[in-house]
Amino acid sequence: MRHSNYFNVLKRGVLRQELPARHFHRKVKSKIMVDSEQALDYLEQQIPSLSAAAVDVAYWQALASGQAVLVREEGGIYQAFPDGTRKLIKVLEAPLSVPIGTRVRLP
């Protein structure tokens, strides 16, 4: 069969068995899009825990390599050394609690 005849047959709707396959493909494609959106939402929810784990790993790797690390604890910034000692670098003020939408002027 020549191409022009084949397309004429399709236009007339003689080959109706192809229609469900086309509609099925659209449904599968939309299902894949929904699944991929759900997968992205799930992955985005994992970002905070993954970043916290990465920070912990970096902290311990730095100490294991013999480097000192700065940490914020107990109202101050401390320098932590690989041998477990800590040195106070700076005392911090208490955190400022501000309601949402409030404008604060910093000096």
PDB file of N, CA and C in Angstrom:
ATOM      1  N   MET A   1       0.838  -1.163   0.000  1.00  0.00           N
ATOM      2  CA  MET A   1       0.000   0.000   0.000  1.00  0.00           C
ATOM      3  C   MET A   1       0.890   1.234   0.000  1.00  0.00           C
ATOM      4  N   ARG A   2       0.561   2.188  -0.839  1.00  0.00           N
ATOM      5  CA  ARG A   2       1.325   3.417  -0.881  1.00  0.00           C
ATOM      6  C   ARG A   2       0.968   4.289   0.318  1.00  0.00           C
ATOM      7  N   HIS A   3       1.874   5.234   0.660  1.00  0.00           N
ATOM      8  CA  HIS A   3       1.649   6.094   1.824  1.00  0.00           C
ATOM      9  C   HIS A   3       0.383   6.910   1.701  1.00  0.00           C
ATOM     10  N   SER A   4       0.123   7.451   0.536  1.00  0.00           N
ATOM     11  CA  SER A   4      -1.054   8.299   0.397  1.00  0.00           C
ATOM     12  C   SER A   4      -2.326   7.502   0.659  1.00  0.00           C
ATOM     13  N   ASN A   5      -2.383   6.248   0.202  1.00  0.00           N
ATOM     14  CA  ASN A   5      -3.559   5.422   0.468  1.00  0.00           C
ATOM     15  C   ASN A   5      -3.683   5.114   1.956  1.00  0.00           C
ATOM     16  N   TYR A   6      -2.571   4.837   2.591  1.00  0.00           N
ATOM     17  CA  TYR A   6      -2.583   4.529   4.020  1.00  0.00           C
ATOM     18  C   TYR A   6      -3.142   5.704   4.825  1.00  0.00           C
ATOM     19  N   PHE A   7      -2.678   6.922   4.509  1.00  0.00           N
ATOM     20  CA  PHE A   7      -3.169   8.090   5.234  1.00  0.00           C
ATOM     21  C   PHE A   7      -4.626   8.371   4.919  1.00  0.00           C
ATOM     22  N   ASN A   8      -5.059   8.118   3.700  1.00  0.00           N
ATOM     23  CA  ASN A   8      -6.471   8.284   3.376  1.00  0.00           C
ATOM     24  C   ASN A   8      -7.327   7.309   4.164  1.00  0.00           C
ATOM     25  N   VAL A   9      -6.839   6.092   4.342  1.00  0.00           N
ATOM     26  CA  VAL A   9      -7.574   5.106   5.128  1.00  0.00           C
ATOM     27  C   VAL A   9      -7.678   5.589   6.578  1.00  0.00           C
ATOM     28  N   LEU A  10      -6.591   6.146   7.121  1.00  0.00           N
ATOM     29  CA  LEU A  10      -6.617   6.656   8.496  1.00  0.00           C
ATOM     30  C   LEU A  10      -7.582   7.820   8.636  1.00  0.00           C
ATOM     31  N   LYS A  11      -7.623   8.701   7.645  1.00  0.00           N
ATOM     32  CA  LYS A  11      -8.510   9.850   7.712  1.00  0.00           C
ATOM     33  C   LYS A  11      -9.969   9.415   7.726  1.00  0.00           C
ATOM     34  N   ARG A  12     -10.281   8.373   6.982  1.00  0.00           N
ATOM     35  CA  ARG A  12     -11.660   7.914   6.931  1.00  0.00           C
ATOM     36  C   ARG A  12     -12.039   7.153   8.188  1.00  0.00           C
ATOM     37  N   GLY A  13     -11.084   6.770   8.993  1.00  0.00           N
ATOM     38  CA  GLY A  13     -11.391   6.079  10.246  1.00  0.00           C
ATOM     39  C   GLY A  13     -11.568   4.593  10.085  1.00  0.00           C
ATOM     40  N   VAL A  14     -11.055   4.034   8.993  1.00  0.00           N
ATOM     41  CA  VAL A  14     -11.195   2.603   8.788  1.00  0.00           C
ATOM     42  C   VAL A  14     -10.374   1.843   9.827  1.00  0.00           C
ATOM     43  N   LEU A  15      -9.210   2.345  10.161  1.00  0.00           N
ATOM     44  CA  LEU A  15      -8.355   1.676  11.144  1.00  0.00           C
ATOM     45  C   LEU A  15      -8.647   2.215  12.541  1.00  0.00           C
ATOM     46  N   ARG A  16      -9.805   1.887  13.051  1.00  0.00           N
ATOM     47  CA  ARG A  16     -10.213   2.406  14.361  1.00  0.00           C
ATOM     48  C   ARG A  16      -9.472   1.740  15.519  1.00  0.00           C
ATOM     49  N   GLN A  17      -8.868   0.596  15.276  1.00  0.00           N
ATOM     50  CA  GLN A  17      -8.173  -0.078  16.366  1.00  0.00           C
ATOM     51  C   GLN A  17      -6.976   0.729  16.861  1.00  0.00           C
ATOM     52  N   GLU A  18      -6.505   1.729  16.120  1.00  0.00           N
ATOM     53  CA  GLU A  18      -5.390   2.547  16.572  1.00  0.00           C
ATOM     54  C   GLU A  18      -5.820   3.609  17.581  1.00  0.00           C
ATOM     55  N   LEU A  19      -7.075   3.982  17.597  1.00  0.00           N
ATOM     56  CA  LEU A  19      -7.527   5.053  18.484  1.00  0.00           C
ATOM     57  C   LEU A  19      -7.333   4.731  19.959  1.00  0.00           C
ATOM     58  N   PRO A  20      -7.717   3.557  20.430  1.00  0.00           N
ATOM     59  CA  PRO A  20      -7.493   3.296  21.853  1.00  0.00           C
ATOM     60  C   PRO A  20      -6.020   3.372  22.236  1.00  0.00           C
ATOM     61  N   ALA A  21      -5.133   2.949  21.367  1.00  0.00           N
ATOM     62  CA  ALA A  21      -3.707   3.012  21.677  1.00  0.00           C
ATOM     63  C   ALA A  21      -3.266   4.463  21.846  1.00  0.00           C
ATOM     64  N   ARG A  22      -3.765   5.343  20.993  1.00  0.00           N
ATOM     65  CA  ARG A  22      -3.412   6.759  21.123  1.00  0.00           C
ATOM     66  C   ARG A  22      -3.935   7.329  22.437  1.00  0.00           C
ATOM     67  N   HIS A  23      -5.190   7.006  22.773  1.00  0.00           N
ATOM     68  CA  HIS A  23      -5.753   7.510  24.024  1.00  0.00           C
ATOM     69  C   HIS A  23      -5.040   6.906  25.227  1.00  0.00           C
ATOM     70  N   PHE A  24      -4.676   5.640  25.124  1.00  0.00           N
ATOM     71  CA  PHE A  24      -3.940   4.998  26.198  1.00  0.00           C
ATOM     72  C   PHE A  24      -2.602   5.683  26.409  1.00  0.00           C
ATOM     73  N   HIS A  25      -1.947   6.043  25.314  1.00  0.00           N
ATOM     74  CA  HIS A  25      -0.656   6.728  25.412  1.00  0.00           C
ATOM     75  C   HIS A  25      -0.816   8.055  26.143  1.00  0.00           C
ATOM     76  N   ARG A  26      -1.890   8.785  25.859  1.00  0.00           N
ATOM     77  CA  ARG A  26      -2.119  10.067  26.543  1.00  0.00           C
ATOM     78  C   ARG A  26      -2.340   9.847  28.033  1.00  0.00           C
ATOM     79  N   LYS A  27      -3.106   8.811  28.375  1.00  0.00           N
ATOM     80  CA  LYS A  27      -3.352   8.533  29.789  1.00  0.00           C
ATOM     81  C   LYS A  27      -2.062   8.140  30.500  1.00  0.00           C
ATOM     82  N   VAL A  28      -1.262   7.317  29.852  1.00  0.00           N
ATOM     83  CA  VAL A  28       0.002   6.902  30.450  1.00  0.00           C
ATOM     84  C   VAL A  28       0.916   8.100  30.609  1.00  0.00           C
ATOM     85  N   LYS A  29       0.950   8.977  29.604  1.00  0.00           N
ATOM     86  CA  LYS A  29       1.801  10.157  29.677  1.00  0.00           C
ATOM     87  C   LYS A  29       1.373  11.055  30.828  1.00  0.00           C
ATOM     88  N   SER A  30       0.048  11.266  31.008  1.00  0.00           N
ATOM     89  CA  SER A  30      -0.399  12.112  32.112  1.00  0.00           C
ATOM     90  C   SER A  30      -0.130  11.434  33.448  1.00  0.00           C
ATOM     91  N   LYS A  31      -0.232  10.111  33.513  1.00  0.00           N
ATOM     92  CA  LYS A  31       0.073   9.377  34.738  1.00  0.00           C
ATOM     93  C   LYS A  31       1.547   9.523  35.089  1.00  0.00           C
ATOM     94  N   ILE A  32       2.410   9.469  34.084  1.00  0.00           N
ATOM     95  CA  ILE A  32       3.842   9.636  34.314  1.00  0.00           C
ATOM     96  C   ILE A  32       4.122  11.038  34.830  1.00  0.00           C
ATOM     97  N   MET A  33       3.437  12.045  34.276  1.00  0.00           N
ATOM     98  CA  MET A  33       3.652  13.417  34.736  1.00  0.00           C
ATOM     99  C   MET A  33       3.228  13.565  36.182  1.00  0.00           C
ATOM    100  N   VAL A  34       2.102  12.962  36.568  1.00  0.00           N
ATOM    101  CA  VAL A  34       1.644  13.026  37.955  1.00  0.00           C
ATOM    102  C   VAL A  34       2.644  12.323  38.861  1.00  0.00           C
ATOM    103  N   ASP A  35       3.117  11.139  38.434  1.00  0.00           N
ATOM    104  CA  ASP A  35       4.089  10.406  39.232  1.00  0.00           C
ATOM    105  C   ASP A  35       5.389  11.180  39.378  1.00  0.00           C
ATOM    106  N   SER A  36       5.830  11.851  38.311  1.00  0.00           N
ATOM    107  CA  SER A  36       7.075  12.603  38.401  1.00  0.00           C
ATOM    108  C   SER A  36       6.914  13.817  39.304  1.00  0.00           C
ATOM    109  N   GLU A  37       5.736  14.432  39.317  1.00  0.00           N
ATOM    110  CA  GLU A  37       5.503  15.557  40.234  1.00  0.00           C
ATOM    111  C   GLU A  37       5.521  15.079  41.677  1.00  0.00           C
ATOM    112  N   GLN A  38       4.928  13.917  41.927  1.00  0.00           N
ATOM    113  CA  GLN A  38       4.946  13.364  43.282  1.00  0.00           C
ATOM    114  C   GLN A  38       6.370  13.000  43.689  1.00  0.00           C
ATOM    115  N   ALA A  39       7.139  12.491  42.755  1.00  0.00           N
ATOM    116  CA  ALA A  39       8.528  12.150  43.050  1.00  0.00           C
ATOM    117  C   ALA A  39       9.326  13.410  43.373  1.00  0.00           C
ATOM    118  N   LEU A  40       9.102  14.479  42.618  1.00  0.00           N
ATOM    119  CA  LEU A  40       9.801  15.735  42.896  1.00  0.00           C
ATOM    120  C   LEU A  40       9.401  16.294  44.249  1.00  0.00           C
ATOM    121  N   ASP A  41       8.113  16.227  44.584  1.00  0.00           N
ATOM    122  CA  ASP A  41       7.663  16.698  45.895  1.00  0.00           C
ATOM    123  C   ASP A  41       8.346  15.909  47.012  1.00  0.00           C
ATOM    124  N   TYR A  42       8.418  14.594  46.839  1.00  0.00           N
ATOM    125  CA  TYR A  42       9.067  13.758  47.847  1.00  0.00           C
ATOM    126  C   TYR A  42      10.540  14.121  47.984  1.00  0.00           C
ATOM    127  N   LEU A  43      11.223  14.291  46.849  1.00  0.00           N
ATOM    128  CA  LEU A  43      12.638  14.635  46.895  1.00  0.00           C
ATOM    129  C   LEU A  43      12.861  15.998  47.532  1.00  0.00           C
ATOM    130  N   GLU A  44      11.986  16.961  47.238  1.00  0.00           N
ATOM    131  CA  GLU A  44      12.122  18.287  47.844  1.00  0.00           C
ATOM    132  C   GLU A  44      11.927  18.223  49.351  1.00  0.00           C
ATOM    133  N   GLN A  45      11.075  17.324  49.820  1.00  0.00           N
ATOM    134  CA  GLN A  45      10.873  17.183  51.262  1.00  0.00           C
ATOM    135  C   GLN A  45      12.108  16.586  51.946  1.00  0.00           C
ATOM    136  N   GLN A  46      12.936  15.887  51.198  1.00  0.00           N
ATOM    137  CA  GLN A  46      14.128  15.261  51.760  1.00  0.00           C
ATOM    138  C   GLN A  46      15.311  16.221  51.857  1.00  0.00           C
ATOM    139  N   ILE A  47      15.235  17.385  51.228  1.00  0.00           N
ATOM    140  CA  ILE A  47      16.366  18.312  51.187  1.00  0.00           C
ATOM    141  C   ILE A  47      16.842  18.720  52.582  1.00  0.00           C
ATOM    142  N   PRO A  48      15.963  19.108  53.515  1.00  0.00           N
ATOM    143  CA  PRO A  48      16.468  19.507  54.839  1.00  0.00           C
ATOM    144  C   PRO A  48      17.242  18.398  55.557  1.00  0.00           C
ATOM    145  N   SER A  49      16.732  17.184  55.533  1.00  0.00           N
ATOM    146  CA  SER A  49      17.432  16.109  56.238  1.00  0.00           C
ATOM    147  C   SER A  49      18.735  15.743  55.525  1.00  0.00           C
ATOM    148  N   LEU A  50      18.735  15.788  54.193  1.00  0.00           N
ATOM    149  CA  LEU A  50      19.964  15.493  53.458  1.00  0.00           C
ATOM    150  C   LEU A  50      21.025  16.555  53.699  1.00  0.00           C
ATOM    151  N   SER A  51      20.615  17.818  53.758  1.00  0.00           N
ATOM    152  CA  SER A  51      21.593  18.876  53.997  1.00  0.00           C
ATOM    153  C   SER A  51      22.134  18.811  55.427  1.00  0.00           C
ATOM    154  N   ALA A  52      21.275  18.468  56.378  1.00  0.00           N
ATOM    155  CA  ALA A  52      21.745  18.317  57.763  1.00  0.00           C
ATOM    156  C   ALA A  52      22.752  17.180  57.859  1.00  0.00           C
ATOM    157  N   ALA A  53      22.490  16.097  57.160  1.00  0.00           N
ATOM    158  CA  ALA A  53      23.430  14.971  57.168  1.00  0.00           C
ATOM    159  C   ALA A  53      24.749  15.368  56.519  1.00  0.00           C
ATOM    160  N   ALA A  54      24.687  16.165  55.444  1.00  0.00           N
ATOM    161  CA  ALA A  54      25.912  16.602  54.768  1.00  0.00           C
ATOM    162  C   ALA A  54      26.737  17.506  55.675  1.00  0.00           C
ATOM    163  N   VAL A  55      26.079  18.366  56.448  1.00  0.00           N
ATOM    164  CA  VAL A  55      26.789  19.248  57.379  1.00  0.00           C
ATOM    165  C   VAL A  55      27.457  18.418  58.470  1.00  0.00           C
ATOM    166  N   ASP A  56      26.766  17.409  58.980  1.00  0.00           N
ATOM    167  CA  ASP A  56      27.362  16.546  60.006  1.00  0.00           C
ATOM    168  C   ASP A  56      28.582  15.817  59.475  1.00  0.00           C
ATOM    169  N   VAL A  57      28.474  15.304  58.270  1.00  0.00           N
ATOM    170  CA  VAL A  57      29.605  14.595  57.666  1.00  0.00           C
ATOM    171  C   VAL A  57      30.788  15.545  57.482  1.00  0.00           C
ATOM    172  N   ALA A  58      30.521  16.753  56.995  1.00  0.00           N
ATOM    173  CA  ALA A  58      31.596  17.730  56.789  1.00  0.00           C
ATOM    174  C   ALA A  58      32.246  18.106  58.123  1.00  0.00           C
ATOM    175  N   TYR A  59      31.443  18.249  59.172  1.00  0.00           N
ATOM    176  CA  TYR A  59      31.955  18.567  60.508  1.00  0.00           C
ATOM    177  C   TYR A  59      32.939  17.499  60.972  1.00  0.00           C
ATOM    178  N   TRP A  60      32.525  16.237  60.887  1.00  0.00           N
ATOM    179  CA  TRP A  60      33.377  15.156  61.369  1.00  0.00           C
ATOM    180  C   TRP A  60      34.582  14.939  60.477  1.00  0.00           C
ATOM    181  N   GLN A  61      34.436  15.152  59.181  1.00  0.00           N
ATOM    182  CA  GLN A  61      35.594  15.025  58.280  1.00  0.00           C
ATOM    183  C   GLN A  61      36.630  16.099  58.566  1.00  0.00           C
ATOM    184  N   ALA A  62      36.171  17.325  58.862  1.00  0.00           N
ATOM    185  CA  ALA A  62      37.107  18.399  59.183  1.00  0.00           C
ATOM    186  C   ALA A  62      37.863  18.085  60.471  1.00  0.00           C
ATOM    187  N   LEU A  63      37.138  17.617  61.486  1.00  0.00           N
ATOM    188  CA  LEU A  63      37.811  17.262  62.738  1.00  0.00           C
ATOM    189  C   LEU A  63      38.762  16.085  62.538  1.00  0.00           C
ATOM    190  N   ALA A  64      38.361  15.116  61.733  1.00  0.00           N
ATOM    191  CA  ALA A  64      39.209  13.945  61.496  1.00  0.00           C
ATOM    192  C   ALA A  64      40.480  14.310  60.744  1.00  0.00           C
ATOM    193  N   SER A  65      40.420  15.378  59.938  1.00  0.00           N
ATOM    194  CA  SER A  65      41.611  15.790  59.186  1.00  0.00           C
ATOM    195  C   SER A  65      42.512  16.718  59.998  1.00  0.00           C
ATOM    196  N   GLY A  66      42.135  16.970  61.261  1.00  0.00           N
ATOM    197  CA  GLY A  66      42.980  17.778  62.133  1.00  0.00           C
ATOM    198  C   GLY A  66      42.674  19.264  62.105  1.00  0.00           C
ATOM    199  N   GLN A  67      41.591  19.661  61.484  1.00  0.00           N
ATOM    200  CA  GLN A  67      41.235  21.080  61.404  1.00  0.00           C
ATOM    201  C   GLN A  67      40.261  21.450  62.521  1.00  0.00           C
ATOM    202  N   ALA A  68      40.259  22.719  62.893  1.00  0.00           N
ATOM    203  CA  ALA A  68      39.312  23.230  63.870  1.00  0.00           C
ATOM    204  C   ALA A  68      38.042  23.665  63.142  1.00  0.00           C
ATOM    205  N   VAL A  69      36.913  23.613  63.862  1.00  0.00           N
ATOM    206  CA  VAL A  69      35.608  23.923  63.285  1.00  0.00           C
ATOM    207  C   VAL A  69      34.911  24.937  64.173  1.00  0.00           C
ATOM    208  N   LEU A  70      34.219  25.904  63.572  1.00  0.00           N
ATOM    209  CA  LEU A  70      33.414  26.854  64.331  1.00  0.00           C
ATOM    210  C   LEU A  70      31.996  26.325  64.477  1.00  0.00           C
ATOM    211  N   VAL A  71      31.483  26.388  65.715  1.00  0.00           N
ATOM    212  CA  VAL A  71      30.123  25.932  65.988  1.00  0.00           C
ATOM    213  C   VAL A  71      29.412  26.965  66.849  1.00  0.00           C
ATOM    214  N   ARG A  72      28.099  27.017  66.713  1.00  0.00           N
ATOM    215  CA  ARG A  72      27.285  27.917  67.540  1.00  0.00           C
ATOM    216  C   ARG A  72      26.589  27.066  68.584  1.00  0.00           C
ATOM    217  N   GLU A  73      26.916  27.305  69.844  1.00  0.00           N
ATOM    218  CA  GLU A  73      26.320  26.564  70.951  1.00  0.00           C
ATOM    219  C   GLU A  73      26.214  27.455  72.164  1.00  0.00           C
ATOM    220  N   GLU A  74      25.196  27.234  72.971  1.00  0.00           N
ATOM    221  CA  GLU A  74      25.054  27.868  74.284  1.00  0.00           C
ATOM    222  C   GLU A  74      25.269  29.373  74.252  1.00  0.00           C
ATOM    223  N   GLY A  75      24.698  30.039  73.261  1.00  0.00           N
ATOM    224  CA  GLY A  75      24.775  31.490  73.209  1.00  0.00           C
ATOM    225  C   GLY A  75      26.108  32.047  72.769  1.00  0.00           C
ATOM    226  N   GLY A  76      26.911  31.273  72.110  1.00  0.00           N
ATOM    227  CA  GLY A  76      28.197  31.768  71.653  1.00  0.00           C
ATOM    228  C   GLY A  76      28.723  30.995  70.457  1.00  0.00           C
ATOM    229  N   ILE A  77      29.782  31.539  69.871  1.00  0.00           N
ATOM    230  CA  ILE A  77      30.474  30.851  68.787  1.00  0.00           C
ATOM    231  C   ILE A  77      31.754  30.271  69.379  1.00  0.00           C
ATOM    232  N   TYR A  78      31.918  28.972  69.194  1.00  0.00           N
ATOM    233  CA  TYR A  78      33.064  28.267  69.748  1.00  0.00           C
ATOM    234  C   TYR A  78      33.894  27.680  68.625  1.00  0.00           C
ATOM    235  N   GLN A  79      35.197  27.577  68.897  1.00  0.00           N
ATOM    236  CA  GLN A  79      36.086  26.881  67.986  1.00  0.00           C
ATOM    237  C   GLN A  79      36.336  25.501  68.590  1.00  0.00           C
ATOM    238  N   ALA A  80      35.904  24.473  67.839  1.00  0.00           N
ATOM    239  CA  ALA A  80      36.067  23.095  68.317  1.00  0.00           C
ATOM    240  C   ALA A  80      37.315  22.500  67.686  1.00  0.00           C
ATOM    241  N   PHE A  81      38.138  21.885  68.514  1.00  0.00           N
ATOM    242  CA  PHE A  81      39.387  21.295  68.057  1.00  0.00           C
ATOM    243  C   PHE A  81      39.259  19.775  68.007  1.00  0.00           C
ATOM    244  N   PRO A  82      40.099  19.126  67.219  1.00  0.00           N
ATOM    245  CA  PRO A  82      40.008  17.663  67.089  1.00  0.00           C
ATOM    246  C   PRO A  82      40.200  16.909  68.405  1.00  0.00           C
ATOM    247  N   ASP A  83      40.925  17.497  69.367  1.00  0.00           N
ATOM    248  CA  ASP A  83      41.142  16.803  70.642  1.00  0.00           C
ATOM    249  C   ASP A  83      39.957  16.942  71.594  1.00  0.00           C
ATOM    250  N   GLY A  84      38.889  17.650  71.175  1.00  0.00           N
ATOM    251  CA  GLY A  84      37.674  17.778  71.975  1.00  0.00           C
ATOM    252  C   GLY A  84      37.570  19.065  72.761  1.00  0.00           C
ATOM    253  N   THR A  85      38.615  19.873  72.779  1.00  0.00           N
ATOM    254  CA  THR A  85      38.544  21.141  73.504  1.00  0.00           C
ATOM    255  C   THR A  85      37.792  22.170  72.674  1.00  0.00           C
ATOM    256  N   ARG A  86      37.241  23.147  73.395  1.00  0.00           N
ATOM    257  CA  ARG A  86      36.488  24.226  72.745  1.00  0.00           C
ATOM    258  C   ARG A  86      36.988  25.557  73.273  1.00  0.00           C
ATOM    259  N   LYS A  87      37.030  26.540  72.400  1.00  0.00           N
ATOM    260  CA  LYS A  87      37.491  27.871  72.767  1.00  0.00           C
ATOM    261  C   LYS A  87      36.394  28.860  72.369  1.00  0.00           C
ATOM    262  N   LEU A  88      35.968  29.698  73.341  1.00  0.00           N
ATOM    263  CA  LEU A  88      34.936  30.692  73.065  1.00  0.00           C
ATOM    264  C   LEU A  88      35.519  31.790  72.178  1.00  0.00           C
ATOM    265  N   ILE A  89      34.871  32.027  71.049  1.00  0.00           N
ATOM    266  CA  ILE A  89      35.306  33.064  70.120  1.00  0.00           C
ATOM    267  C   ILE A  89      34.500  34.339  70.330  1.00  0.00           C
ATOM    268  N   LYS A  90      33.169  34.212  70.476  1.00  0.00           N
ATOM    269  CA  LYS A  90      32.320  35.388  70.622  1.00  0.00           C
ATOM    270  C   LYS A  90      31.042  35.009  71.351  1.00  0.00           C
ATOM    271  N   VAL A  91      30.604  35.890  72.255  1.00  0.00           N
ATOM    272  CA  VAL A  91      29.321  35.713  72.935  1.00  0.00           C
ATOM    273  C   VAL A  91      28.252  36.352  72.063  1.00  0.00           C
ATOM    274  N   LEU A  92      27.175  35.610  71.842  1.00  0.00           N
ATOM    275  CA  LEU A  92      26.089  36.109  70.996  1.00  0.00           C
ATOM    276  C   LEU A  92      24.928  36.591  71.838  1.00  0.00           C
ATOM    277  N   GLU A  93      24.201  37.566  71.318  1.00  0.00           N
ATOM    278  CA  GLU A  93      22.992  38.031  71.991  1.00  0.00           C
ATOM    279  C   GLU A  93      21.890  37.002  71.802  1.00  0.00           C
ATOM    280  N   ALA A  94      20.870  37.101  72.651  1.00  0.00           N
ATOM    281  CA  ALA A  94      19.731  36.190  72.535  1.00  0.00           C
ATOM    282  C   ALA A  94      19.045  36.413  71.185  1.00  0.00           C
ATOM    283  N   PRO A  95      18.510  35.356  70.584  1.00  0.00           N
ATOM    284  CA  PRO A  95      17.826  35.518  69.302  1.00  0.00           C
ATOM    285  C   PRO A  95      16.620  36.451  69.435  1.00  0.00           C
ATOM    286  N   LEU A  96      16.356  37.190  68.398  1.00  0.00           N
ATOM    287  CA  LEU A  96      15.258  38.150  68.388  1.00  0.00           C
ATOM    288  C   LEU A  96      14.028  37.478  67.789  1.00  0.00           C
ATOM    289  N   SER A  97      12.941  37.438  68.535  1.00  0.00           N
ATOM    290  CA  SER A  97      11.699  36.861  68.051  1.00  0.00           C
ATOM    291  C   SER A  97      10.825  37.985  67.511  1.00  0.00           C
ATOM    292  N   VAL A  98      10.491  37.905  66.243  1.00  0.00           N
ATOM    293  CA  VAL A  98       9.729  38.962  65.584  1.00  0.00           C
ATOM    294  C   VAL A  98       8.514  38.345  64.903  1.00  0.00           C
ATOM    295  N   PRO A  99       7.313  38.895  65.143  1.00  0.00           N
ATOM    296  CA  PRO A  99       6.131  38.386  64.440  1.00  0.00           C
ATOM    297  C   PRO A  99       6.261  38.619  62.934  1.00  0.00           C
ATOM    298  N   ILE A 100       5.622  37.767  62.164  1.00  0.00           N
ATOM    299  CA  ILE A 100       5.676  37.865  60.713  1.00  0.00           C
ATOM    300  C   ILE A 100       5.058  39.194  60.271  1.00  0.00           C
ATOM    301  N   GLY A 101       5.720  39.875  59.367  1.00  0.00           N
ATOM    302  CA  GLY A 101       5.223  41.131  58.820  1.00  0.00           C
ATOM    303  C   GLY A 101       5.706  42.367  59.559  1.00  0.00           C
ATOM    304  N   THR A 102       6.414  42.190  60.673  1.00  0.00           N
ATOM    305  CA  THR A 102       6.911  43.325  61.445  1.00  0.00           C
ATOM    306  C   THR A 102       8.199  43.841  60.819  1.00  0.00           C
ATOM    307  N   ARG A 103       8.299  45.165  60.723  1.00  0.00           N
ATOM    308  CA  ARG A 103       9.534  45.756  60.201  1.00  0.00           C
ATOM    309  C   ARG A 103      10.441  46.103  61.366  1.00  0.00           C
ATOM    310  N   VAL A 104      11.704  45.692  61.219  1.00  0.00           N
ATOM    311  CA  VAL A 104      12.694  45.921  62.273  1.00  0.00           C
ATOM    312  C   VAL A 104      13.826  46.730  61.662  1.00  0.00           C
ATOM    313  N   ARG A 105      14.195  47.810  62.319  1.00  0.00           N
ATOM    314  CA  ARG A 105      15.310  48.624  61.863  1.00  0.00           C
ATOM    315  C   ARG A 105      16.559  48.208  62.618  1.00  0.00           C
ATOM    316  N   LEU A 106      17.551  47.771  61.883  1.00  0.00           N
ATOM    317  CA  LEU A 106      18.807  47.356  62.494  1.00  0.00           C
ATOM    318  C   LEU A 106      19.780  48.530  62.507  1.00  0.00           C
ATOM    319  N   PRO A 107      20.493  48.710  63.636  1.00  0.00           N
ATOM    320  CA  PRO A 107      21.429  49.837  63.712  1.00  0.00           C
ATOM    321  C   PRO A 107      22.652  49.619  62.840  1.00  0.00           C
TER     322      PRO A 107
END
